[in-house]
C-alpha atoms as a PDB file:
ATOM      1  CA  MET A   1       0.207   0.003  -0.103  1.00  0.00           C
ATOM      2  CA  SER A   2       1.264   3.526  -1.177  1.00  0.00           C
ATOM      3  CA  LYS A   3       2.148   5.990   1.735  1.00  0.00           C
ATOM      4  CA  PRO A   4      -0.208   9.337   1.926  1.00  0.00           C
ATOM      5  CA  ASP A   5       1.235  12.284   0.002  1.00  0.00           C
ATOM      6  CA  ALA A   6      -0.638  15.163   0.066  1.00  0.00           C
ATOM      7  CA  THR A   7       0.898  16.794  -2.750  1.00  0.00           C
ATOM      8  CA  ASN A   8      -0.913  14.720  -4.929  1.00  0.00           C
ATOM      9  CA  HIS A   9      -4.542  15.652  -3.973  1.00  0.00           C
ATOM     10  CA  ASN A  10      -6.708  15.509  -7.099  1.00  0.00           C
ATOM     11  CA  PRO A  11     -10.432  16.282  -5.261  1.00  0.00           C
ATOM     12  CA  THR A  12     -11.710  16.342  -8.749  1.00  0.00           C
ATOM     13  CA  PRO A  13     -15.186  14.701  -8.912  1.00  0.00           C
ATOM     14  CA  THR A  14     -14.201  13.148 -12.364  1.00  0.00           C
ATOM     15  CA  TYR A  15     -10.712  11.634 -10.605  1.00  0.00           C
ATOM     16  CA  LEU A  16     -12.968  10.431  -7.662  1.00  0.00           C
ATOM     17  CA  ARG A  17     -15.557   8.795  -9.675  1.00  0.00           C
ATOM     18  CA  ASP A  18     -12.811   6.690 -11.668  1.00  0.00           C
ATOM     19  CA  LEU A  19     -11.620   5.522  -8.618  1.00  0.00           C
ATOM     20  CA  LEU A  20     -14.592   4.852  -7.234  1.00  0.00           C
ATOM     21  CA  ASP A  21     -15.420   2.532 -10.868  1.00  0.00           C
ATOM     22  CA  GLN A  22     -12.067   1.222 -10.378  1.00  0.00           C
ATOM     23  CA  ALA A  23     -12.960   0.468  -6.882  1.00  0.00           C
ATOM     24  CA  ASP A  24     -16.068  -1.290  -7.794  1.00  0.00           C
ATOM     25  CA  VAL A  25     -18.559   0.479  -4.853  1.00  0.00           C
ATOM     26  CA  SER A  26     -21.114   2.280  -5.304  1.00  0.00           C
ATOM     27  CA  GLN A  27     -20.895   6.043  -3.723  1.00  0.00           C
ATOM     28  CA  ARG A  28     -23.549   4.294  -1.333  1.00  0.00           C
ATOM     29  CA  GLN A  29     -21.082   1.703  -0.347  1.00  0.00           C
ATOM     30  CA  ALA A  30     -17.624   4.239  -0.130  1.00  0.00           C
ATOM     31  CA  ALA A  31     -19.659   6.945   2.061  1.00  0.00           C
ATOM     32  CA  HIS A  32     -20.243   3.776   4.529  1.00  0.00           C
ATOM     33  CA  LEU A  33     -16.621   2.737   4.208  1.00  0.00           C
ATOM     34  CA  LEU A  34     -15.101   5.658   4.639  1.00  0.00           C
ATOM     35  CA  GLY A  35     -17.800   6.878   7.855  1.00  0.00           C
ATOM     36  CA  VAL A  36     -18.842   9.844   5.776  1.00  0.00           C
ATOM     37  CA  SER A  37     -22.559  10.614   5.353  1.00  0.00           C
ATOM     38  CA  ASP A  38     -24.358   9.678   1.643  1.00  0.00           C
ATOM     39  CA  ARG A  39     -24.776  13.238   1.064  1.00  0.00           C
ATOM     40  CA  MET A  40     -21.144  14.295   1.729  1.00  0.00           C
ATOM     41  CA  MET A  41     -20.218  11.591  -0.788  1.00  0.00           C
ATOM     42  CA  ARG A  42     -22.482  13.010  -2.974  1.00  0.00           C
ATOM     43  CA  TYR A  43     -21.184  16.710  -2.484  1.00  0.00           C
ATOM     44  CA  TYR A  44     -17.765  15.777  -2.931  1.00  0.00           C
ATOM     45  CA  LEU A  45     -19.198  14.116  -6.412  1.00  0.00           C
ATOM     46  CA  ALA A  46     -20.715  16.782  -7.681  1.00  0.00           C
ATOM     47  CA  ASP A  47     -20.143  18.810 -10.653  1.00  0.00           C
ATOM     48  CA  GLU A  48     -17.547  21.338  -9.600  1.00  0.00           C
ATOM     49  CA  GLY A  49     -19.674  24.149 -11.113  1.00  0.00           C
ATOM     50  CA  SER A  50     -22.591  22.774  -8.928  1.00  0.00           C
ATOM     51  CA  ASP A  51     -23.439  24.819  -5.779  1.00  0.00           C
ATOM     52  CA  GLN A  52     -23.852  21.449  -4.272  1.00  0.00           C
ATOM     53  CA  HIS A  53     -20.206  20.534  -4.996  1.00  0.00           C
ATOM     54  CA  ARG A  54     -17.509  20.595  -1.653  1.00  0.00           C
ATOM     55  CA  LYS A  55     -14.057  19.847  -2.319  1.00  0.00           C
ATOM     56  CA  ALA A  56     -12.913  16.386  -1.077  1.00  0.00           C
ATOM     57  CA  PRO A  57     -10.228  16.386   1.738  1.00  0.00           C
ATOM     58  CA  TYR A  58      -7.271  14.625   0.670  1.00  0.00           C
ATOM     59  CA  VAL A  59      -7.965  11.759   3.237  1.00  0.00           C
ATOM     60  CA  VAL A  60     -10.958  10.740   1.293  1.00  0.00           C
ATOM     61  CA  GLN A  61      -9.345  10.886  -2.065  1.00  0.00           C
ATOM     62  CA  PHE A  62      -6.520   8.816  -0.526  1.00  0.00           C
ATOM     63  CA  ALA A  63      -8.969   6.189   0.986  1.00  0.00           C
ATOM     64  CA  ILE A  64     -10.771   5.945  -2.144  1.00  0.00           C
ATOM     65  CA  GLU A  65      -7.482   5.249  -3.982  1.00  0.00           C
ATOM     66  CA  CYS A  66      -7.102   2.299  -1.426  1.00  0.00           C
ATOM     67  CA  LEU A  67     -10.283   0.783  -1.981  1.00  0.00           C
ATOM     68  CA  ALA A  68      -9.359   1.293  -5.762  1.00  0.00           C
ATOM     69  CA  LYS A  69      -6.073  -0.321  -5.243  1.00  0.00           C
ATOM     70  CA  GLU A  70      -7.610  -3.246  -3.299  1.00  0.00           C
ATOM     71  CA  ASN A  71      -9.912  -4.338  -5.778  1.00  0.00           C
ATOM     72  CA  ASN A  72      -7.523  -3.878  -9.090  1.00  0.00           C
ATOM     73  CA  ASP A  73      -4.839  -6.117  -6.949  1.00  0.00           C
ATOM     74  CA  GLY A  74      -7.510  -8.685  -6.043  1.00  0.00           C
ATOM     75  CA  GLN A  75      -8.351  -9.065  -9.713  1.00  0.00           C
ATOM     76  CA  SER A  76      -4.558  -9.624 -10.911  1.00  0.00           C
END
């Protein structure tokens, strides 16, 4: 597992949605696994131009990256 590095912060909804696809988890499942509300996850994934969009903290991005890596490693 890689180490956290906040210089790699990329909170764009497109990147986070791609990670969720790689992890093969729904937004709701990811929210539950990460301990955030479904609503907050929707805010993180809302289009950047939307009033509802909130920038995901790096720790959320890193946790989703870990889920994606775990899923990809399991498919090898």
